[in-house]
C-alpha atoms as a PDB file:
ATOM      1  CA  MET A   1      20.415   5.995  -5.665  1.00  0.00           C
ATOM      2  CA  LYS A   2      18.558   4.688  -2.635  1.00  0.00           C
ATOM      3  CA  ALA A   3      15.441   6.721  -1.875  1.00  0.00           C
ATOM      4  CA  ILE A   4      15.199   5.128   1.580  1.00  0.00           C
ATOM      5  CA  ASP A   5      18.050   3.351   3.329  1.00  0.00           C
ATOM      6  CA  VAL A   6      17.181   2.050   6.795  1.00  0.00           C
ATOM      7  CA  GLN A   7      19.746   0.012   8.716  1.00  0.00           C
ATOM      8  CA  GLN A   8      19.167  -1.711  12.068  1.00  0.00           C
ATOM      9  CA  LEU A   9      16.403   0.751  12.900  1.00  0.00           C
ATOM     10  CA  GLU A  10      15.203   0.503  16.501  1.00  0.00           C
ATOM     11  CA  LYS A  11      12.360   2.154  18.368  1.00  0.00           C
ATOM     12  CA  THR A  12      11.438   1.526  21.972  1.00  0.00           C
ATOM     13  CA  TYR A  13       8.741   3.746  23.448  1.00  0.00           C
ATOM     14  CA  SER A  14       8.834   5.096  26.992  1.00  0.00           C
ATOM     15  CA  ASN A  15       6.210   2.529  28.044  1.00  0.00           C
ATOM     16  CA  GLY A  16       8.606  -0.250  27.059  1.00  0.00           C
ATOM     17  CA  VAL A  17       6.971  -1.232  23.755  1.00  0.00           C
ATOM     18  CA  HIS A  18       9.676  -2.368  21.326  1.00  0.00           C
ATOM     19  CA  ALA A  19       8.050  -1.179  18.082  1.00  0.00           C
ATOM     20  CA  LEU A  20      11.000  -1.690  15.697  1.00  0.00           C
ATOM     21  CA  LYS A  21      13.595  -4.411  16.207  1.00  0.00           C
ATOM     22  CA  GLY A  22      16.626  -3.828  14.022  1.00  0.00           C
ATOM     23  CA  VAL A  23      14.781  -3.190  10.751  1.00  0.00           C
ATOM     24  CA  ASP A  24      16.761  -3.145   7.492  1.00  0.00           C
ATOM     25  CA  LEU A  25      14.922  -1.741   4.464  1.00  0.00           C
ATOM     26  CA  THR A  26      16.137  -0.315   1.167  1.00  0.00           C
ATOM     27  CA  ILE A  27      13.917   1.331  -1.434  1.00  0.00           C
ATOM     28  CA  GLN A  28      15.499   2.416  -4.706  1.00  0.00           C
ATOM     29  CA  ASP A  29      14.898   5.761  -6.392  1.00  0.00           C
ATOM     30  CA  GLY A  30      11.885   5.492  -8.738  1.00  0.00           C
ATOM     31  CA  ASP A  31      10.384   2.426  -7.078  1.00  0.00           C
ATOM     32  CA  PHE A  32       6.721   1.905  -6.202  1.00  0.00           C
ATOM     33  CA  PHE A  33       7.105   0.010  -2.927  1.00  0.00           C
ATOM     34  CA  GLY A  34       4.438  -1.600  -0.749  1.00  0.00           C
ATOM     35  CA  LEU A  35       4.755  -1.998   3.011  1.00  0.00           C
ATOM     36  CA  LEU A  36       2.336  -4.427   4.633  1.00  0.00           C
ATOM     37  CA  GLY A  37       1.647  -5.179   8.254  1.00  0.00           C
ATOM     38  CA  ALA A  38      -1.159  -5.494  10.763  1.00  0.00           C
ATOM     39  CA  ASN A  39      -2.100  -2.625  13.059  1.00  0.00           C
ATOM     40  CA  GLY A  40       0.714  -2.208  15.560  1.00  0.00           C
ATOM     41  CA  ALA A  41       3.259  -4.061  13.414  1.00  0.00           C
ATOM     42  CA  GLY A  42       5.551  -1.028  13.116  1.00  0.00           C
ATOM     43  CA  LYS A  43       4.565   0.558   9.782  1.00  0.00           C
ATOM     44  CA  THR A  44       3.460   3.911  11.144  1.00  0.00           C
ATOM     45  CA  THR A  45       6.366   4.044  13.601  1.00  0.00           C
ATOM     46  CA  MET A  46       8.825   3.662  10.730  1.00  0.00           C
ATOM     47  CA  ILE A  47       7.061   6.341   8.691  1.00  0.00           C
ATOM     48  CA  SER A  48       7.007   8.658  11.713  1.00  0.00           C
ATOM     49  CA  ILE A  49      10.775   8.273  12.141  1.00  0.00           C
ATOM     50  CA  LEU A  50      11.435   8.918   8.446  1.00  0.00           C
ATOM     51  CA  THR A  51       9.274  12.049   8.468  1.00  0.00           C
ATOM     52  CA  GLY A  52      10.574  13.401  11.764  1.00  0.00           C
ATOM     53  CA  THR A  53       7.496  13.055  13.955  1.00  0.00           C
ATOM     54  CA  ALA A  54       9.169  10.344  16.055  1.00  0.00           C
ATOM     55  CA  THR A  55      12.757   9.757  17.135  1.00  0.00           C
ATOM     56  CA  LYS A  56      14.543   6.461  16.717  1.00  0.00           C
ATOM     57  CA  THR A  57      16.376   4.776  19.563  1.00  0.00           C
ATOM     58  CA  GLY A  58      18.912   2.983  17.403  1.00  0.00           C
ATOM     59  CA  GLY A  59      20.201   2.389  13.885  1.00  0.00           C
ATOM     60  CA  SER A  60      20.281   4.783  10.942  1.00  0.00           C
ATOM     61  CA  ALA A  61      17.941   6.153   8.300  1.00  0.00           C
ATOM     62  CA  LYS A  62      18.756   8.081   5.134  1.00  0.00           C
ATOM     63  CA  ILE A  63      16.540   9.762   2.533  1.00  0.00           C
ATOM     64  CA  PHE A  64      18.312  10.002  -0.840  1.00  0.00           C
ATOM     65  CA  GLY A  65      21.617   9.700   0.991  1.00  0.00           C
ATOM     66  CA  ILE A  66      20.765  12.384   3.565  1.00  0.00           C
ATOM     67  CA  ASP A  67      21.009  11.216   7.164  1.00  0.00           C
ATOM     68  CA  ILE A  68      17.796  12.208   8.961  1.00  0.00           C
ATOM     69  CA  ASP A  69      19.767  13.018  12.134  1.00  0.00           C
ATOM     70  CA  LYS A  70      22.514  15.092  10.509  1.00  0.00           C
ATOM     71  CA  ASP A  71      20.306  17.152   8.177  1.00  0.00           C
ATOM     72  CA  HIS A  72      16.686  16.604   9.150  1.00  0.00           C
ATOM     73  CA  ASN A  73      15.309  19.673   7.345  1.00  0.00           C
ATOM     74  CA  LYS A  74      16.911  18.777   4.021  1.00  0.00           C
ATOM     75  CA  ALA A  75      15.692  15.178   4.307  1.00  0.00           C
ATOM     76  CA  LYS A  76      12.175  16.388   5.130  1.00  0.00           C
ATOM     77  CA  GLU A  77      12.110  18.550   1.978  1.00  0.00           C
ATOM     78  CA  MET A  78      12.467  15.367  -0.066  1.00  0.00           C
ATOM     79  CA  ILE A  79       9.297  13.824   1.404  1.00  0.00           C
ATOM     80  CA  GLY A  80       5.586  14.332   0.816  1.00  0.00           C
ATOM     81  CA  LEU A  81       3.461  12.588   3.446  1.00  0.00           C
ATOM     82  CA  VAL A  82      -0.172  11.521   3.190  1.00  0.00           C
ATOM     83  CA  PRO A  83      -1.087  10.321   6.707  1.00  0.00           C
ATOM     84  CA  GLN A  84      -3.972   8.039   7.656  1.00  0.00           C
ATOM     85  CA  GLU A  85      -5.964  10.692   9.490  1.00  0.00           C
ATOM     86  CA  PHE A  86      -7.336  13.917   8.045  1.00  0.00           C
ATOM     87  CA  ASN A  87      -5.287  16.667   9.677  1.00  0.00           C
ATOM     88  CA  PHE A  88      -6.292  19.906   7.974  1.00  0.00           C
ATOM     89  CA  ASN A  89      -8.552  22.771   9.065  1.00  0.00           C
ATOM     90  CA  ILE A  90     -12.086  21.762   8.030  1.00  0.00           C
ATOM     91  CA  PHE A  91     -13.116  25.441   7.761  1.00  0.00           C
ATOM     92  CA  GLU A  92     -10.229  26.362   5.439  1.00  0.00           C
ATOM     93  CA  LYS A  93     -10.707  26.476   1.670  1.00  0.00           C
ATOM     94  CA  VAL A  94      -9.214  23.702  -0.447  1.00  0.00           C
ATOM     95  CA  ILE A  95      -6.919  26.068  -2.365  1.00  0.00           C
ATOM     96  CA  ASP A  96      -5.661  27.666   0.859  1.00  0.00           C
ATOM     97  CA  ILE A  97      -4.834  24.307   2.441  1.00  0.00           C
ATOM     98  CA  VAL A  98      -2.595  23.420  -0.488  1.00  0.00           C
ATOM     99  CA  VAL A  99      -1.011  26.850  -0.960  1.00  0.00           C
ATOM    100  CA  THR A 100      -0.298  27.305   2.768  1.00  0.00           C
ATOM    101  CA  GLN A 101       1.567  23.994   2.791  1.00  0.00           C
ATOM    102  CA  GLY A 102       3.820  25.278   0.016  1.00  0.00           C
ATOM    103  CA  GLY A 103       4.570  28.335   2.115  1.00  0.00           C
ATOM    104  CA  TYR A 104       6.045  26.119   4.831  1.00  0.00           C
ATOM    105  CA  PHE A 105       8.724  25.137   2.303  1.00  0.00           C
ATOM    106  CA  GLY A 106       9.466  28.736   1.307  1.00  0.00           C
ATOM    107  CA  ILE A 107       7.722  28.581  -2.053  1.00  0.00           C
ATOM    108  CA  PRO A 108       6.411  32.004  -3.213  1.00  0.00           C
ATOM    109  CA  ARG A 109       2.613  32.291  -3.198  1.00  0.00           C
ATOM    110  CA  LYS A 110       2.454  32.987  -6.943  1.00  0.00           C
ATOM    111  CA  GLU A 111       4.324  29.763  -7.670  1.00  0.00           C
ATOM    112  CA  CYS A 112       2.211  27.848  -5.130  1.00  0.00           C
ATOM    113  CA  LEU A 113      -0.988  28.971  -6.849  1.00  0.00           C
ATOM    114  CA  LYS A 114       0.360  27.831 -10.207  1.00  0.00           C
ATOM    115  CA  ARG A 115       1.365  24.423  -8.840  1.00  0.00           C
ATOM    116  CA  ALA A 116      -1.851  24.030  -6.859  1.00  0.00           C
ATOM    117  CA  GLN A 117      -4.012  24.563  -9.939  1.00  0.00           C
ATOM    118  CA  LYS A 118      -2.112  21.895 -11.865  1.00  0.00           C
ATOM    119  CA  ILE A 119      -2.317  19.347  -9.035  1.00  0.00           C
ATOM    120  CA  LEU A 120      -5.953  20.034  -8.133  1.00  0.00           C
ATOM    121  CA  GLU A 121      -6.993  19.753 -11.774  1.00  0.00           C
ATOM    122  CA  ALA A 122      -5.209  16.400 -12.055  1.00  0.00           C
ATOM    123  CA  LEU A 123      -7.035  15.179  -8.931  1.00  0.00           C
ATOM    124  CA  ASP A 124     -10.440  16.526 -10.049  1.00  0.00           C
ATOM    125  CA  LEU A 125     -10.559  19.039  -7.197  1.00  0.00           C
ATOM    126  CA  TRP A 126     -10.102  22.350  -9.027  1.00  0.00           C
ATOM    127  CA  GLU A 127     -13.837  23.083  -9.126  1.00  0.00           C
ATOM    128  CA  LYS A 128     -13.893  22.671  -5.342  1.00  0.00           C
ATOM    129  CA  ARG A 129     -10.967  25.034  -4.747  1.00  0.00           C
ATOM    130  CA  ASP A 130     -13.023  27.713  -3.000  1.00  0.00           C
ATOM    131  CA  HIS A 131     -15.068  25.287  -0.892  1.00  0.00           C
ATOM    132  CA  PRO A 132     -14.291  24.701   2.789  1.00  0.00           C
ATOM    133  CA  SER A 133     -12.763  21.266   3.138  1.00  0.00           C
ATOM    134  CA  MET A 134     -15.595  20.193   5.454  1.00  0.00           C
ATOM    135  CA  GLN A 135     -17.870  20.133   2.386  1.00  0.00           C
ATOM    136  CA  LEU A 136     -15.758  17.525   0.591  1.00  0.00           C
ATOM    137  CA  SER A 137     -16.618  13.843   0.436  1.00  0.00           C
ATOM    138  CA  GLY A 138     -14.283  11.322   2.058  1.00  0.00           C
ATOM    139  CA  GLY A 139     -12.689  10.495  -1.290  1.00  0.00           C
ATOM    140  CA  MET A 140     -12.135  14.173  -2.085  1.00  0.00           C
ATOM    141  CA  LYS A 141     -10.508  14.720   1.304  1.00  0.00           C
ATOM    142  CA  ARG A 142      -8.103  11.873   0.562  1.00  0.00           C
ATOM    143  CA  ARG A 143      -7.203  13.482  -2.768  1.00  0.00           C
ATOM    144  CA  LEU A 144      -6.758  16.837  -1.052  1.00  0.00           C
ATOM    145  CA  MET A 145      -4.219  15.216   1.274  1.00  0.00           C
ATOM    146  CA  ILE A 146      -2.296  13.970  -1.779  1.00  0.00           C
ATOM    147  CA  ALA A 147      -2.425  17.434  -3.386  1.00  0.00           C
ATOM    148  CA  ARG A 148      -1.091  19.037  -0.210  1.00  0.00           C
ATOM    149  CA  ALA A 149       1.738  16.489   0.006  1.00  0.00           C
ATOM    150  CA  LEU A 150       2.833  17.198  -3.575  1.00  0.00           C
ATOM    151  CA  ILE A 151       2.868  21.011  -3.549  1.00  0.00           C
ATOM    152  CA  HIS A 152       6.614  21.228  -2.788  1.00  0.00           C
ATOM    153  CA  GLN A 153       7.410  18.640  -5.500  1.00  0.00           C
ATOM    154  CA  PRO A 154       8.944  15.958  -3.254  1.00  0.00           C
ATOM    155  CA  LYS A 155      11.081  13.178  -4.686  1.00  0.00           C
ATOM    156  CA  LEU A 156       9.504  10.663  -2.279  1.00  0.00           C
ATOM    157  CA  LEU A 157       5.768  10.326  -1.600  1.00  0.00           C
ATOM    158  CA  ILE A 158       4.757   8.306   1.465  1.00  0.00           C
ATOM    159  CA  LEU A 159       1.130   7.164   1.442  1.00  0.00           C
ATOM    160  CA  ASP A 160      -0.207   5.701   4.690  1.00  0.00           C
ATOM    161  CA  GLU A 161      -3.548   4.032   3.860  1.00  0.00           C
ATOM    162  CA  PRO A 162      -4.368   6.645   1.173  1.00  0.00           C
ATOM    163  CA  THR A 163      -7.577   5.041  -0.122  1.00  0.00           C
ATOM    164  CA  ALA A 164      -9.170   3.987   3.179  1.00  0.00           C
ATOM    165  CA  GLY A 165     -12.893   4.631   2.965  1.00  0.00           C
ATOM    166  CA  VAL A 166     -12.761   5.538  -0.725  1.00  0.00           C
ATOM    167  CA  ASP A 167     -15.223   3.773  -3.027  1.00  0.00           C
ATOM    168  CA  VAL A 168     -13.950   1.394  -5.716  1.00  0.00           C
ATOM    169  CA  GLU A 169     -14.365   3.763  -8.670  1.00  0.00           C
ATOM    170  CA  LEU A 170     -12.534   6.632  -6.999  1.00  0.00           C
ATOM    171  CA  ARG A 171      -9.858   4.255  -5.708  1.00  0.00           C
ATOM    172  CA  HIS A 172      -9.058   3.088  -9.225  1.00  0.00           C
ATOM    173  CA  GLY A 173      -8.905   6.705 -10.389  1.00  0.00           C
ATOM    174  CA  MET A 174      -6.364   7.447  -7.667  1.00  0.00           C
ATOM    175  CA  TRP A 175      -4.380   4.361  -8.704  1.00  0.00           C
ATOM    176  CA  LYS A 176      -4.060   5.749 -12.222  1.00  0.00           C
ATOM    177  CA  TYR A 177      -2.876   9.110 -10.943  1.00  0.00           C
ATOM    178  CA  LEU A 178      -0.303   7.515  -8.634  1.00  0.00           C
ATOM    179  CA  GLN A 179       1.010   5.318 -11.455  1.00  0.00           C
ATOM    180  CA  GLU A 180       1.477   8.387 -13.660  1.00  0.00           C
ATOM    181  CA  LEU A 181       3.199  10.185 -10.798  1.00  0.00           C
ATOM    182  CA  ASN A 182       5.572   7.262 -10.320  1.00  0.00           C
ATOM    183  CA  LYS A 183       6.341   7.181 -14.062  1.00  0.00           C
ATOM    184  CA  SER A 184       7.289  10.862 -13.832  1.00  0.00           C
ATOM    185  CA  GLY A 185      10.066   9.902 -11.384  1.00  0.00           C
ATOM    186  CA  VAL A 186       8.474  10.175  -7.940  1.00  0.00           C
ATOM    187  CA  THR A 187       9.358   7.293  -5.630  1.00  0.00           C
ATOM    188  CA  ILE A 188       6.300   6.015  -3.767  1.00  0.00           C
ATOM    189  CA  LEU A 189       6.068   4.109  -0.491  1.00  0.00           C
ATOM    190  CA  LEU A 190       2.550   2.784   0.033  1.00  0.00           C
ATOM    191  CA  THR A 191       0.954   1.126   3.030  1.00  0.00           C
ATOM    192  CA  SER A 192      -2.515  -0.272   2.466  1.00  0.00           C
ATOM    193  CA  HIS A 193      -5.085  -2.686   3.871  1.00  0.00           C
ATOM    194  CA  TYR A 194      -6.375  -3.181   0.317  1.00  0.00           C
ATOM    195  CA  LEU A 195      -3.919  -5.875  -0.641  1.00  0.00           C
ATOM    196  CA  GLU A 196      -5.090  -5.928  -4.254  1.00  0.00           C
ATOM    197  CA  GLU A 197      -3.848  -2.320  -4.288  1.00  0.00           C
ATOM    198  CA  ILE A 198      -0.328  -3.463  -3.419  1.00  0.00           C
ATOM    199  CA  GLU A 199      -0.445  -6.225  -6.031  1.00  0.00           C
ATOM    200  CA  ALA A 200      -1.765  -3.880  -8.722  1.00  0.00           C
ATOM    201  CA  LEU A 201       0.560  -0.932  -8.088  1.00  0.00           C
ATOM    202  CA  CYS A 202       3.801  -2.044  -6.453  1.00  0.00           C
ATOM    203  CA  ARG A 203       6.903  -3.627  -7.938  1.00  0.00           C
ATOM    204  CA  ASN A 204       8.447  -4.514  -4.599  1.00  0.00           C
ATOM    205  CA  VAL A 205       6.938  -5.285  -1.211  1.00  0.00           C
ATOM    206  CA  ALA A 206       7.962  -5.911   2.380  1.00  0.00           C
ATOM    207  CA  MET A 207       5.909  -7.316   5.235  1.00  0.00           C
ATOM    208  CA  ILE A 208       6.543  -6.241   8.808  1.00  0.00           C
ATOM    209  CA  LYS A 209       5.381  -8.246  11.818  1.00  0.00           C
ATOM    210  CA  LYS A 210       5.930  -7.267  15.451  1.00  0.00           C
ATOM    211  CA  GLY A 211       8.638  -4.786  14.508  1.00  0.00           C
ATOM    212  CA  GLU A 212      10.584  -7.084  12.181  1.00  0.00           C
ATOM    213  CA  ILE A 213      10.663  -7.437   8.399  1.00  0.00           C
ATOM    214  CA  VAL A 214       9.568 -11.007   7.678  1.00  0.00           C
ATOM    215  CA  ILE A 215       9.339 -10.859   3.865  1.00  0.00           C
ATOM    216  CA  ASN A 216      11.075  -8.531   1.396  1.00  0.00           C
ATOM    217  CA  GLY A 217      11.254  -8.926  -2.375  1.00  0.00           C
ATOM    218  CA  THR A 218       9.536  -8.258  -5.663  1.00  0.00           C
ATOM    219  CA  VAL A 219       5.780  -8.751  -5.646  1.00  0.00           C
ATOM    220  CA  LYS A 220       6.282 -11.631  -8.087  1.00  0.00           C
ATOM    221  CA  GLU A 221       8.839 -13.352  -5.830  1.00  0.00           C
ATOM    222  CA  VAL A 222       6.685 -12.896  -2.746  1.00  0.00           C
ATOM    223  CA  LEU A 223       3.644 -14.389  -4.455  1.00  0.00           C
ATOM    224  CA  GLN A 224       5.704 -17.346  -5.660  1.00  0.00           C
ATOM    225  CA  SER A 225       6.448 -18.179  -2.009  1.00  0.00           C
ATOM    226  CA  LEU A 226       2.813 -19.122  -1.477  1.00  0.00           C
ATOM    227  CA  ASP A 227       2.546 -22.821  -0.733  1.00  0.00           C
ATOM    228  CA  ARG A 228      -1.162 -23.062  -1.548  1.00  0.00           C
ATOM    229  CA  GLN A 229      -4.005 -21.326  -3.328  1.00  0.00           C
ATOM    230  CA  ILE A 230      -7.750 -21.697  -2.817  1.00  0.00           C
ATOM    231  CA  TYR A 231      -9.868 -21.654  -5.976  1.00  0.00           C
ATOM    232  CA  VAL A 232     -13.588 -21.252  -6.458  1.00  0.00           C
ATOM    233  CA  VAL A 233     -14.700 -23.707  -9.139  1.00  0.00           C
ATOM    234  CA  ASN A 234     -18.076 -23.506 -10.856  1.00  0.00           C
ATOM    235  CA  VAL A 235     -19.264 -26.707 -12.536  1.00  0.00           C
ATOM    236  CA  ASP A 236     -22.522 -27.857 -14.111  1.00  0.00           C
ATOM    237  CA  LYS A 237     -23.249 -30.149 -11.125  1.00  0.00           C
ATOM    238  CA  VAL A 238     -21.171 -31.087  -8.084  1.00  0.00           C
ATOM    239  CA  LYS A 239     -20.632 -34.820  -7.594  1.00  0.00           C
ATOM    240  CA  ASP A 240     -19.096 -36.560  -4.597  1.00  0.00           C
ATOM    241  CA  ILE A 241     -16.038 -38.406  -5.940  1.00  0.00           C
ATOM    242  CA  ASP A 242     -13.290 -40.118  -3.943  1.00  0.00           C
ATOM    243  CA  GLU A 243     -10.518 -39.090  -6.333  1.00  0.00           C
ATOM    244  CA  LEU A 244     -11.126 -35.426  -5.592  1.00  0.00           C
ATOM    245  CA  ASN A 245     -10.096 -36.107  -1.994  1.00  0.00           C
ATOM    246  CA  THR A 246      -6.448 -35.856  -3.080  1.00  0.00           C
ATOM    247  CA  PHE A 247      -7.285 -32.133  -2.831  1.00  0.00           C
ATOM    248  CA  LYS A 248      -8.737 -30.349   0.168  1.00  0.00           C
ATOM    249  CA  TRP A 249     -12.167 -29.211  -0.928  1.00  0.00           C
ATOM    250  CA  LYS A 250     -15.669 -28.378   0.186  1.00  0.00           C
ATOM    251  CA  LYS A 251     -19.005 -28.065  -1.520  1.00  0.00           C
ATOM    252  CA  ILE A 252     -20.515 -24.571  -1.430  1.00  0.00           C
ATOM    253  CA  ASP A 253     -23.706 -25.384  -3.340  1.00  0.00           C
ATOM    254  CA  ASP A 254     -24.872 -27.709  -6.131  1.00  0.00           C
ATOM    255  CA  THR A 255     -22.646 -26.009  -8.705  1.00  0.00           C
ATOM    256  CA  THR A 256     -19.768 -24.548  -6.672  1.00  0.00           C
ATOM    257  CA  LEU A 257     -16.658 -26.010  -5.022  1.00  0.00           C
ATOM    258  CA  GLU A 258     -13.820 -24.482  -3.058  1.00  0.00           C
ATOM    259  CA  VAL A 259     -10.596 -26.390  -3.712  1.00  0.00           C
ATOM    260  CA  GLU A 260      -7.158 -25.923  -2.155  1.00  0.00           C
ATOM    261  CA  VAL A 261      -4.278 -26.480  -4.589  1.00  0.00           C
ATOM    262  CA  ASP A 262      -0.840 -26.775  -2.998  1.00  0.00           C
ATOM    263  CA  GLN A 263       2.611 -26.658  -4.628  1.00  0.00           C
ATOM    264  CA  LYS A 264       2.608 -30.423  -5.191  1.00  0.00           C
ATOM    265  CA  LYS A 265      -0.436 -30.217  -7.452  1.00  0.00           C
ATOM    266  CA  THR A 266      -1.642 -28.059 -10.325  1.00  0.00           C
ATOM    267  CA  VAL A 267      -4.935 -26.578 -11.421  1.00  0.00           C
ATOM    268  CA  ASN A 268      -4.652 -28.693 -14.580  1.00  0.00           C
ATOM    269  CA  GLU A 269      -4.682 -31.871 -12.456  1.00  0.00           C
ATOM    270  CA  LEU A 270      -7.829 -30.668 -10.749  1.00  0.00           C
ATOM    271  CA  VAL A 271      -9.551 -29.874 -14.039  1.00  0.00           C
ATOM    272  CA  LYS A 272      -8.630 -33.312 -15.452  1.00  0.00           C
ATOM    273  CA  ILE A 273     -10.162 -35.091 -12.451  1.00  0.00           C
ATOM    274  CA  LEU A 274     -13.354 -33.064 -12.734  1.00  0.00           C
ATOM    275  CA  ASP A 275     -13.526 -33.688 -16.472  1.00  0.00           C
ATOM    276  CA  THR A 276     -12.985 -37.447 -16.026  1.00  0.00           C
ATOM    277  CA  HIS A 277     -15.973 -37.563 -13.707  1.00  0.00           C
ATOM    278  CA  LYS A 278     -18.198 -35.562 -16.050  1.00  0.00           C
ATOM    279  CA  MET A 279     -18.142 -32.340 -14.068  1.00  0.00           C
ATOM    280  CA  LEU A 280     -17.977 -29.594 -16.679  1.00  0.00           C
ATOM    281  CA  VAL A 281     -15.854 -26.686 -15.423  1.00  0.00           C
ATOM    282  CA  GLN A 282     -17.590 -23.425 -16.290  1.00  0.00           C
ATOM    283  CA  ASP A 283     -15.392 -21.050 -14.324  1.00  0.00           C
ATOM    284  CA  ILE A 284     -12.362 -21.205 -12.040  1.00  0.00           C
ATOM    285  CA  LYS A 285     -10.778 -18.313 -10.178  1.00  0.00           C
ATOM    286  CA  PRO A 286      -8.768 -17.606  -7.016  1.00  0.00           C
ATOM    287  CA  LYS A 287     -10.965 -17.215  -3.938  1.00  0.00           C
ATOM    288  CA  SER A 288      -9.043 -14.180  -2.747  1.00  0.00           C
ATOM    289  CA  ASN A 289      -6.190 -11.890  -3.566  1.00  0.00           C
ATOM    290  CA  ARG A 290      -3.005 -13.985  -3.337  1.00  0.00           C
ATOM    291  CA  LEU A 291      -1.142 -11.349  -1.397  1.00  0.00           C
ATOM    292  CA  GLU A 292      -3.983 -11.259   1.117  1.00  0.00           C
ATOM    293  CA  GLN A 293      -3.701 -15.003   1.619  1.00  0.00           C
ATOM    294  CA  LEU A 294       0.033 -14.779   2.237  1.00  0.00           C
ATOM    295  CA  PHE A 295      -0.513 -11.864   4.614  1.00  0.00           C
ATOM    296  CA  LEU A 296      -3.094 -13.810   6.621  1.00  0.00           C
ATOM    297  CA  ASN A 297      -0.816 -16.848   6.737  1.00  0.00           C
ATOM    298  CA  LEU A 298       1.968 -14.729   8.232  1.00  0.00           C
ATOM    299  CA  LEU A 299      -0.338 -13.152  10.792  1.00  0.00           C
ATOM    300  CA  ASN A 300      -1.435 -16.597  11.973  1.00  0.00           C
ATOM    301  CA  GLU A 301       2.064 -18.021  12.351  1.00  0.00           C
END
């Protein structure tokens, strides 16, 4: 079954901004899907339409086969949303924020308390259950948003920049939790500015630019479309050799090079040239996340 089925989705705001231009997007049940795009590209507009906080001006959208126009309430029950901005009462206790959310979906308080304990324990928030949310760190507030989104046991979890401002250690802990959640059968749609997050977590990815999907495929397929890769190469001593000019390169310091390797060449060719000229390669690694490079290339087109 398709968790999300968007066909020719259009959105034009009253000020004339054409935010979505006939977007087609399908996400299968059980997928962990990444949606990339710059600010203003259309990501949040699409999420807002799917979750009912914005109305489309054309096309169709279905959640697990349910048309969002024909049965909005039923479609909304399928979705848990973690928005970019904190939008809970900072004076309310953690446990109350989660339990109250369950009440909106008609879940009895006794059952909400049972579910809330399980979720908050999994997210390392149970000990903070009686604290006002204003006392939580930024990372804890992010996890609270996830807990609140899961209380009604949605089949689809939409995460809009869920780890923004969260330190590396906590971010990796959240990754593990989300992976386990996905394995349990929850479909996840993730938008993120941490592109290594998309590469590490997602099986499929789409990139949206100026309201249009410009790339859509498996993460592996998308990465294979890269026409070049920049590597940082550490050697015992950098030498100026003409043969290396078959690659685009620059010297960073006496032991470090940055070398661009395009599809016509291989890293092995580079290593052979360096070895021939007595430059001992001590380390070689990509300069940046490959997905990030592709993303930046698309933005600059």
